[in-house]
Structures are given as C-alpha cells and as structure tokens.
C-alpha atoms as a PDB file:
ATOM      1  CA  UNK A   1      -1.690 -12.442   3.743  1.00  0.00           C
ATOM      2  CA  UNK A   2      -2.224  -9.436   5.966  1.00  0.00           C
ATOM      3  CA  UNK A   3      -0.666  -6.182   4.858  1.00  0.00           C
ATOM      4  CA  UNK A   4       1.349  -4.406   7.536  1.00  0.00           C
ATOM      5  CA  UNK A   5       2.840  -0.926   7.631  1.00  0.00           C
ATOM      6  CA  UNK A   6       6.399  -2.288   7.590  1.00  0.00           C
ATOM      7  CA  UNK A   7       5.958  -3.946   4.176  1.00  0.00           C
ATOM      8  CA  UNK A   8       7.422  -2.195   1.156  1.00  0.00           C
ATOM      9  CA  UNK A   9       5.041  -0.438  -1.171  1.00  0.00           C
ATOM     10  CA  UNK A  10       6.436  -2.403  -4.117  1.00  0.00           C
ATOM     11  CA  UNK A  11       5.859  -5.768  -2.401  1.00  0.00           C
ATOM     12  CA  UNK A  12       2.205  -4.951  -1.827  1.00  0.00           C
ATOM     13  CA  UNK A  13       1.620  -3.612  -5.351  1.00  0.00           C
ATOM     14  CA  UNK A  14       3.406  -6.612  -6.874  1.00  0.00           C
ATOM     15  CA  UNK A  15       1.282  -9.098  -4.930  1.00  0.00           C
ATOM     16  CA  UNK A  16      -1.933  -7.061  -5.149  1.00  0.00           C
ATOM     17  CA  UNK A  17      -1.943  -4.831  -8.256  1.00  0.00           C
ATOM     18  CA  UNK A  18      -5.449  -3.679  -7.375  1.00  0.00           C
ATOM     19  CA  UNK A  19      -3.968  -2.015  -4.263  1.00  0.00           C
ATOM     20  CA  UNK A  20      -2.542   0.724  -6.499  1.00  0.00           C
ATOM     21  CA  UNK A  21      -5.914   2.473  -6.510  1.00  0.00           C
ATOM     22  CA  UNK A  22      -6.001   2.445  -2.701  1.00  0.00           C
ATOM     23  CA  UNK A  23      -2.576   4.073  -2.497  1.00  0.00           C
ATOM     24  CA  UNK A  24      -3.689   6.678  -5.045  1.00  0.00           C
ATOM     25  CA  UNK A  25      -6.959   7.451  -3.214  1.00  0.00           C
ATOM     26  CA  UNK A  26      -4.976   8.088  -0.044  1.00  0.00           C
ATOM     27  CA  UNK A  27      -2.619  10.450  -1.850  1.00  0.00           C
ATOM     28  CA  UNK A  28       0.383   8.147  -2.115  1.00  0.00           C
ATOM     29  CA  UNK A  29       1.072   8.474  -5.826  1.00  0.00           C
ATOM     30  CA  UNK A  30       4.616   7.095  -5.849  1.00  0.00           C
ATOM     31  CA  UNK A  31       3.589   3.436  -6.202  1.00  0.00           C
ATOM     32  CA  UNK A  32       5.585   3.099  -9.413  1.00  0.00           C
ATOM     33  CA  UNK A  33       8.675   5.072  -8.479  1.00  0.00           C
ATOM     34  CA  UNK A  34      12.025   3.451  -7.705  1.00  0.00           C
ATOM     35  CA  UNK A  35      11.789   4.414  -4.008  1.00  0.00           C
ATOM     36  CA  UNK A  36       8.748   2.158  -3.544  1.00  0.00           C
ATOM     37  CA  UNK A  37      11.056  -0.880  -3.683  1.00  0.00           C
ATOM     38  CA  UNK A  38      12.779   0.246  -0.491  1.00  0.00           C
ATOM     39  CA  UNK A  39      10.221   2.407   1.277  1.00  0.00           C
ATOM     40  CA  UNK A  40       7.782   0.878   3.724  1.00  0.00           C
ATOM     41  CA  UNK A  41       4.121   1.828   3.659  1.00  0.00           C
ATOM     42  CA  UNK A  42       4.660   3.666   6.942  1.00  0.00           C
ATOM     43  CA  UNK A  43       7.630   5.649   5.599  1.00  0.00           C
ATOM     44  CA  UNK A  44       5.725   6.607   2.461  1.00  0.00           C
ATOM     45  CA  UNK A  45       2.667   7.610   4.432  1.00  0.00           C
ATOM     46  CA  UNK A  46       4.701   9.710   6.863  1.00  0.00           C
ATOM     47  CA  UNK A  47       6.537  11.464   4.020  1.00  0.00           C
ATOM     48  CA  UNK A  48       3.218  12.459   2.454  1.00  0.00           C
ATOM     49  CA  UNK A  49       1.247  13.229   5.627  1.00  0.00           C
ATOM     50  CA  UNK A  50      -1.065  10.242   5.218  1.00  0.00           C
ATOM     51  CA  UNK A  51      -2.754   8.353   8.051  1.00  0.00           C
ATOM     52  CA  UNK A  52      -0.922   5.032   7.856  1.00  0.00           C
ATOM     53  CA  UNK A  53      -3.476   3.104   9.913  1.00  0.00           C
ATOM     54  CA  UNK A  54      -6.345   4.135   7.621  1.00  0.00           C
ATOM     55  CA  UNK A  55      -4.237   3.291   4.559  1.00  0.00           C
ATOM     56  CA  UNK A  56      -3.307  -0.167   5.858  1.00  0.00           C
ATOM     57  CA  UNK A  57      -6.933  -0.847   6.836  1.00  0.00           C
ATOM     58  CA  UNK A  58      -8.107  -0.002   3.317  1.00  0.00           C
ATOM     59  CA  UNK A  59      -5.325  -2.089   1.766  1.00  0.00           C
ATOM     60  CA  UNK A  60      -6.404  -5.060   3.860  1.00  0.00           C
ATOM     61  CA  UNK A  61     -10.003  -4.584   2.697  1.00  0.00           C
ATOM     62  CA  UNK A  62      -8.736  -5.062  -0.862  1.00  0.00           C
ATOM     63  CA  UNK A  63      -6.914  -8.241   0.150  1.00  0.00           C
ATOM     64  CA  UNK A  64      -9.971  -9.566   1.985  1.00  0.00           C
ATOM     65  CA  UNK A  65     -12.241  -8.924  -1.003  1.00  0.00           C
ATOM     66  CA  UNK A  66      -9.984 -10.739  -3.463  1.00  0.00           C
ATOM     67  CA  UNK A  67     -11.530 -13.859  -4.906  1.00  0.00           C
ATOM     68  CA  UNK A  68      -9.519 -17.047  -4.334  1.00  0.00           C
ATOM     69  CA  UNK A  69      -7.723 -18.280  -7.443  1.00  0.00           C
END
C-alpha cells in the first residue's frame, strides 16, 4: 500500500504502527489524539506547518522497508 496525503493519520498508524516515529520526527505529535481519526495527513501537516510531501515520502520509506509477513 502506498501512503497518500489524503489518508487519515489514524489509518496509517493503525496499519503501520512503526510510522508513529516518522510522524513524531516531523513534529506531528498528535498521532494518538481523537482528531487523528478524522484528520488527513495533509490537514495535520498544514495545521502544524509541516512539509506534507517530505512527511509522506518518509512514511512511504517505512512501508517499503517493512518485511513481508
């Protein structure tokens, strides 16, 4: 699966728990708050002044490095 900026933060963290560290490194610390269920990655990034393209690129690096089950 490719992560896109229109996905909710919660959906990404639920599917890829290891992505939490990427959100945190980029300064998006609200991965566990109730808003993350409704807020897209782009909305969260914009609200916190984060470069959404860099964030999504790093999130996709995490997905790409995941070992198949």
